[in-house]
Protein backbone atom coordinates (compact mmCIF):
# COMPACT_ATOMS: atom_id res chain seq x y z
CA MET A 1 80.41 -18.25 11.86
CA THR A 2 83.48 -20.09 10.59
CA ASN A 3 83.53 -21.67 7.14
CA MET A 4 80.62 -19.54 5.94
CA ILE A 5 80.85 -17.80 2.57
CA ALA A 6 79.48 -14.27 2.17
CA LEU A 7 79.28 -12.20 -1.00
CA ILE A 8 78.87 -8.44 -0.73
CA THR A 9 78.24 -6.41 -3.88
CA GLY A 10 79.83 -2.97 -4.06
CA ALA A 11 82.21 -4.06 -1.31
CA ASN A 12 85.21 -1.96 -2.27
CA LYS A 13 84.12 1.09 -0.26
CA GLY A 14 81.60 2.59 2.12
CA ILE A 15 78.94 0.46 3.77
CA GLY A 16 79.81 -2.52 1.57
CA PHE A 17 83.43 -2.51 2.66
CA ALA A 18 82.42 -2.08 6.30
CA THR A 19 80.00 -5.00 5.95
CA ALA A 20 82.77 -7.17 4.52
CA ARG A 21 85.06 -6.21 7.38
CA GLN A 22 82.47 -7.04 10.03
CA LEU A 23 81.45 -10.35 8.47
CA GLY A 24 85.14 -11.19 8.08
CA ALA A 25 85.64 -10.49 11.77
CA LEU A 26 82.98 -13.12 12.47
CA GLY A 27 85.09 -15.69 10.66
CA MET A 28 83.32 -15.70 7.31
CA THR A 29 85.12 -15.82 3.99
CA VAL A 30 84.06 -12.55 2.37
CA LEU A 31 83.87 -12.23 -1.40
CA VAL A 32 84.50 -8.61 -2.31
CA GLY A 33 82.19 -7.96 -5.23
CA ALA A 34 83.37 -4.95 -7.24
CA ARG A 35 83.28 -3.92 -10.89
CA ASP A 36 86.54 -1.95 -10.65
CA ALA A 37 89.36 -4.49 -10.44
CA GLU A 38 91.91 -2.08 -9.00
CA ARG A 39 89.59 -0.92 -6.23
CA GLY A 40 88.40 -4.45 -5.58
CA ARG A 41 91.90 -5.79 -5.14
CA ALA A 42 92.84 -2.83 -2.94
CA ALA A 43 89.84 -3.60 -0.71
CA GLU A 44 90.83 -7.26 -0.62
CA ARG A 45 94.35 -6.34 0.54
CA GLU A 46 93.09 -3.99 3.22
CA LEU A 47 90.62 -6.55 4.52
CA ARG A 48 93.30 -9.25 4.56
CA ASP A 49 95.68 -6.91 6.38
CA GLY A 50 92.95 -6.54 8.99
CA GLY A 51 92.73 -10.31 9.45
CA ALA A 52 89.76 -11.14 7.24
CA ASP A 53 89.68 -14.01 4.76
CA ALA A 54 88.80 -11.76 1.82
CA VAL A 55 88.76 -12.57 -1.89
CA PHE A 56 88.12 -10.09 -4.70
CA LEU A 57 85.31 -11.19 -7.02
CA PRO A 58 84.92 -9.28 -10.31
CA LEU A 59 81.26 -8.35 -10.51
CA ASP A 60 79.33 -5.71 -12.41
CA ILE A 61 75.73 -6.25 -11.36
CA THR A 62 74.41 -4.39 -14.42
CA ASP A 63 76.17 -6.83 -16.78
CA ALA A 64 74.47 -10.22 -17.08
CA GLU A 65 77.63 -11.90 -18.38
CA SER A 66 79.63 -10.57 -15.43
CA VAL A 67 77.01 -11.85 -13.00
CA THR A 68 76.96 -15.27 -14.64
CA ALA A 69 80.75 -15.48 -14.54
CA ALA A 70 80.80 -14.52 -10.87
CA ALA A 71 78.21 -17.17 -9.99
CA LYS A 72 80.22 -19.80 -11.84
CA GLN A 73 83.37 -18.77 -9.98
CA VAL A 74 81.64 -19.01 -6.59
CA GLU A 75 80.26 -22.43 -7.49
CA ALA A 76 83.62 -23.71 -8.71
CA GLU A 77 85.58 -22.47 -5.69
CA TYR A 78 83.08 -22.86 -2.84
CA GLY A 79 80.10 -24.90 -4.04
CA ARG A 80 77.58 -22.84 -2.10
CA LEU A 81 76.86 -19.37 -0.70
CA ASP A 82 75.71 -18.69 2.86
CA VAL A 83 75.17 -14.92 2.74
CA LEU A 84 74.35 -12.53 -0.09
CA VAL A 85 74.38 -8.81 0.69
CA ASN A 86 73.02 -6.81 -2.24
CA ASN A 87 74.73 -3.60 -1.23
CA ALA A 88 75.73 -1.94 -4.51
CA GLY A 89 73.64 1.12 -5.30
CA ILE A 90 73.73 4.50 -7.00
CA MET A 91 71.91 7.80 -6.51
CA LEU A 92 71.25 10.22 -9.38
CA ALA A 93 68.81 13.07 -9.94
CA ASP A 94 68.06 15.67 -12.61
CA GLY A 95 67.79 19.42 -12.19
CA ALA A 96 68.73 21.60 -9.24
CA ARG A 97 66.07 20.10 -6.94
CA GLY A 98 65.48 16.70 -8.49
CA LEU A 99 61.77 17.37 -8.98
CA PRO A 100 59.62 14.64 -10.56
CA SER A 101 58.85 16.96 -13.48
CA GLU A 102 62.59 17.37 -14.12
CA THR A 103 63.39 13.66 -14.05
CA THR A 104 64.54 12.06 -17.29
CA LEU A 105 63.88 8.50 -18.33
CA ALA A 106 67.60 8.04 -18.90
CA THR A 107 68.33 8.78 -15.26
CA LEU A 108 65.50 6.54 -14.07
CA ARG A 109 66.76 3.67 -16.20
CA THR A 110 70.33 4.10 -15.00
CA VAL A 111 69.35 4.06 -11.33
CA TYR A 112 66.97 1.12 -11.72
CA GLU A 113 69.58 -0.91 -13.61
CA THR A 114 71.72 -0.99 -10.46
CA ASN A 115 69.29 -0.58 -7.56
CA VAL A 116 66.54 -2.92 -8.78
CA PHE A 117 67.35 -4.93 -11.91
CA GLY A 118 70.90 -5.65 -10.77
CA VAL A 119 69.66 -7.00 -7.44
CA ALA A 120 67.24 -9.35 -9.19
CA THR A 121 69.92 -10.49 -11.64
CA VAL A 122 72.44 -11.25 -8.90
CA THR A 123 69.91 -12.91 -6.60
CA ASN A 124 68.56 -15.17 -9.34
CA ALA A 125 72.05 -16.18 -10.46
CA LEU A 126 73.16 -17.04 -6.93
CA LEU A 127 69.95 -18.52 -5.55
CA PRO A 128 70.89 -22.10 -6.52
CA LEU A 129 74.08 -21.72 -4.45
CA LEU A 130 72.17 -20.13 -1.56
CA ARG A 131 69.80 -23.11 -1.57
CA ARG A 132 72.81 -25.41 -1.03
CA ALA A 133 73.69 -23.65 2.25
CA PRO A 134 72.15 -24.96 5.49
CA ALA A 135 70.36 -21.65 6.18
CA ALA A 136 71.29 -18.84 3.82
CA ARG A 137 70.56 -15.15 4.33
CA ILE A 138 69.81 -12.53 1.67
CA VAL A 139 70.11 -8.88 2.68
CA ASN A 140 69.08 -6.07 0.35
CA VAL A 141 70.42 -2.68 1.40
CA SER A 142 67.52 -0.28 1.14
CA SER A 143 66.72 3.11 2.69
CA GLU A 144 64.04 4.90 4.65
CA VAL A 145 63.42 7.01 1.54
CA GLY A 146 61.91 3.89 -0.02
CA SER A 147 59.17 3.89 2.62
CA ILE A 148 55.96 5.41 1.29
CA ALA A 149 54.75 5.90 4.86
CA VAL A 150 57.86 7.85 5.82
CA MET A 151 58.02 9.93 2.64
CA THR A 152 54.37 11.02 2.83
CA ASP A 153 54.35 11.95 6.52
CA PRO A 154 53.93 15.79 6.67
CA ALA A 155 55.57 15.81 10.10
CA GLY A 156 58.54 13.74 8.98
CA ALA A 157 62.04 14.98 8.26
CA LEU A 158 61.93 13.62 4.71
CA PHE A 159 58.62 15.12 3.62
CA GLU A 160 60.26 17.88 1.56
CA LEU A 161 62.31 15.41 -0.48
CA THR A 162 60.75 15.06 -3.93
CA SER A 163 63.41 13.28 -5.97
CA VAL A 164 62.10 10.29 -7.93
CA PRO A 165 64.92 7.96 -9.11
CA TYR A 166 66.59 6.90 -5.85
CA PRO A 167 63.54 6.81 -3.53
CA SER A 168 61.34 5.01 -6.05
CA SER A 169 64.10 2.49 -6.77
CA LYS A 170 64.35 1.69 -3.07
CA ALA A 171 60.56 1.35 -2.85
CA ALA A 172 60.78 -1.13 -5.71
CA LEU A 173 63.63 -2.91 -3.94
CA ASN A 174 61.48 -3.25 -0.82
CA MET A 175 58.74 -4.95 -2.85
CA LEU A 176 61.35 -7.15 -4.53
CA THR A 177 62.56 -8.15 -1.07
CA ALA A 178 59.04 -8.96 0.09
CA MET A 179 58.32 -11.13 -2.95
CA TYR A 180 61.55 -13.14 -2.62
CA ALA A 181 60.77 -13.61 1.07
CA LYS A 182 57.31 -14.95 0.18
CA GLU A 183 58.72 -17.33 -2.43
CA LEU A 184 61.31 -18.66 0.02
CA ARG A 185 59.13 -18.67 3.14
CA ASP A 186 59.08 -22.47 3.36
CA THR A 187 62.87 -22.75 3.10
CA PRO A 188 65.63 -22.00 5.64
CA ILE A 189 66.57 -18.90 3.61
CA LYS A 190 65.68 -15.55 5.17
CA VAL A 191 65.29 -12.43 3.01
CA ASN A 192 65.26 -8.95 4.52
CA ALA A 193 65.91 -5.33 3.62
CA ALA A 194 68.36 -3.29 5.68
CA ASN A 195 67.92 0.40 6.33
CA PRO A 196 71.38 1.60 7.40
CA GLY A 197 70.27 5.16 8.09
CA TYR A 198 71.87 8.29 6.70
CA CYS A 199 75.53 7.26 6.64
CA ALA A 200 78.53 9.30 5.52
CA THR A 201 79.57 7.80 2.17
CA ASP A 202 80.73 8.91 -1.25
CA MET A 203 77.09 8.86 -2.34
CA ASN A 204 76.28 11.91 -0.20
CA SER A 205 79.75 13.50 -0.18
CA ASN A 206 80.26 12.09 3.34
CA SER A 207 77.54 14.31 4.79
CA GLY A 208 75.69 11.60 6.73
CA PHE A 209 75.37 11.63 10.50
CA ARG A 210 76.08 7.92 10.87
CA THR A 211 79.29 6.12 9.98
CA ALA A 212 79.59 3.41 7.35
CA GLU A 213 80.47 1.00 10.14
CA GLN A 214 77.24 1.82 11.96
CA GLY A 215 75.26 1.34 8.77
CA ALA A 216 76.95 -1.98 8.11
CA GLU A 217 75.88 -3.27 11.52
CA VAL A 218 72.28 -3.45 10.27
CA SER A 219 73.23 -5.65 7.30
CA VAL A 220 75.39 -7.84 9.54
CA HIS A 221 72.51 -8.21 11.99
CA LEU A 222 70.25 -9.44 9.20
CA ALA A 223 72.98 -11.62 7.66
CA THR A 224 73.32 -13.50 10.94
CA LEU A 225 69.67 -13.82 12.01
CA PRO A 226 69.11 -17.01 14.04
CA ALA A 227 66.70 -19.62 12.72
CA ASP A 228 63.91 -18.65 15.12
CA GLU A 229 63.78 -15.04 13.89
CA PRO A 230 60.88 -14.33 11.53
CA SER A 231 61.28 -13.64 7.84
CA GLY A 232 58.79 -12.98 5.08
CA LEU A 233 56.62 -10.13 6.27
CA LEU A 234 59.28 -8.82 8.66
CA TRP A 235 61.57 -7.32 6.06
CA GLY A 236 62.09 -3.74 7.20
CA PHE A 237 64.73 -3.43 9.87
CA GLN A 238 66.32 -0.20 10.94
CA MET A 239 68.63 0.72 13.78
CA ASP A 240 66.90 3.02 16.26
CA ALA A 241 68.45 5.81 18.34
CA GLY A 242 69.05 3.45 21.23
CA GLY A 243 71.17 1.13 19.12
CA GLY A 244 68.55 -1.59 18.74
CA TYR A 245 66.53 -2.71 15.73
CA GLY A 246 62.96 -1.97 14.76
CA VAL A 247 60.60 -2.64 11.89
CA LEU A 248 60.45 0.21 9.38
CA PRO A 249 56.96 0.79 7.94
CA TRP A 250 57.15 0.46 4.18
């Protein structure tokens, strides 16, 4: 994995930081995408102290100018990109229970700006650099709550969840992933969505039952898929209880 360049958005903490650490341990140069310069540089230092070749990259995925500047910097310094992990995401809801009838358009727009529109903006800006790599990988960090099959299963653990912004944004992200995979199916680029499971992060006040490191393993698995692994219609990976990987029904 040496001499490969990987960019992780939202890499200053949580699953993004853990993904950067694991890809760095494989010998990749990891670009720490973060909109907060202080946190991004702190993450860079910690990763470097741990032995990774880490470089802070200023990047606000909701700001087109920031995305363009980041793409230009990657091109100028590296000339290509081998791995893009669209990890940055937010979760918001309105009202005490987050019911659909309580959801505001402002909240929907805010969540979609990061979880959907930001992913498309970043991917489109960096796709020319990904095409220059021998066999690039795009990983979009999704969630099981974006699975319509899972969310509508009366016997499932998530059936009672009714919040709209975050689950619907992840459902949209899954479709976005599928469409990019279809467009790129005749290229060496593989596009997949990663379901890290319910991990303890700032997003859920660290209440998850999996660690950020465990969640990051799914993204790393997809970021390093060998050439003979399928892409396109096989976009929903999750880690099962036995520690392996399975296809999540979207």
